[in-house]
């Protein structure tokens, strides 16, 4: 299964795990779970869309370096 498809199929489990992990971070311990979850679905959609975007080898290497 491609990662983009996995992110879509396992969306709810990923969101649950991400929200639970975020609450373990001292910086987010006081933040309500609803607030933490607000942007997580959009983040998964953006990542999935990016993974589906064709790129050249040079673009892939550049992206892997954080550029």
Protein backbone atom coordinates (compact mmCIF):
# COMPACT_ATOMS: atom_id res chain seq x y z
CA UNK A 1 0.00 0.00 0.00
CA UNK A 2 1.33 3.42 -0.93
CA UNK A 3 1.88 5.85 1.94
CA UNK A 4 -0.62 8.37 0.54
CA UNK A 5 -3.34 5.71 0.51
CA UNK A 6 -2.39 4.53 4.01
CA UNK A 7 -2.74 8.08 5.36
CA UNK A 8 -6.26 8.22 3.96
CA UNK A 9 -7.30 4.72 5.07
CA UNK A 10 -5.86 4.97 8.59
CA UNK A 11 -6.87 8.62 9.06
CA UNK A 12 -8.81 8.19 12.31
CA UNK A 13 -6.16 6.02 13.96
CA UNK A 14 -3.42 8.45 12.92
CA UNK A 15 -5.37 11.42 14.27
CA UNK A 16 -6.01 9.62 17.58
CA UNK A 17 -2.34 8.71 17.95
CA UNK A 18 -1.14 12.18 16.97
CA UNK A 19 -3.48 13.88 19.45
CA UNK A 20 -2.45 11.49 22.23
CA UNK A 21 1.23 12.09 21.48
CA UNK A 22 0.76 15.86 21.36
CA UNK A 23 -0.70 15.78 24.86
CA UNK A 24 2.56 14.22 26.14
CA UNK A 25 4.52 17.28 25.03
CA UNK A 26 4.98 19.81 27.83
CA UNK A 27 4.27 22.68 25.43
CA UNK A 28 0.82 21.23 24.60
CA UNK A 29 -0.15 19.65 27.92
CA UNK A 30 -2.48 22.56 28.76
CA UNK A 31 -4.10 22.75 25.30
CA UNK A 32 -7.55 21.21 24.84
CA UNK A 33 -7.68 18.12 22.61
CA UNK A 34 -10.18 19.79 20.26
CA UNK A 35 -7.70 22.57 19.61
CA UNK A 36 -4.92 20.07 18.93
CA UNK A 37 -7.15 18.16 16.50
CA UNK A 38 -8.28 21.25 14.56
CA UNK A 39 -5.47 21.24 12.00
CA UNK A 40 -4.41 17.60 12.03
CA UNK A 41 -6.90 16.46 9.33
CA UNK A 42 -5.73 19.26 7.01
CA UNK A 43 -2.14 18.26 7.63
CA UNK A 44 -2.86 14.66 6.60
CA UNK A 45 -4.63 15.83 3.42
CA UNK A 46 -1.69 18.09 2.55
CA UNK A 47 0.86 15.33 3.13
CA UNK A 48 -1.16 12.84 1.08
CA UNK A 49 -1.54 15.32 -1.78
CA UNK A 50 2.17 16.10 -1.71
CA UNK A 51 3.04 12.41 -1.85
CA UNK A 52 0.89 12.04 -4.96
CA UNK A 53 2.56 14.97 -6.75
CA UNK A 54 5.01 13.83 -9.42
CA UNK A 55 8.56 15.09 -9.00
CA UNK A 56 11.87 14.70 -10.73
CA UNK A 57 14.81 12.92 -9.14
CA UNK A 58 16.44 16.30 -8.45
CA UNK A 59 13.27 17.55 -6.75
CA UNK A 60 13.09 14.39 -4.68
CA UNK A 61 16.68 14.79 -3.51
CA UNK A 62 16.14 18.48 -2.76
CA UNK A 63 13.00 17.72 -0.75
CA UNK A 64 14.80 14.98 1.22
CA UNK A 65 17.27 17.64 2.35
CA UNK A 66 14.48 19.90 3.56
CA UNK A 67 14.88 22.44 0.76
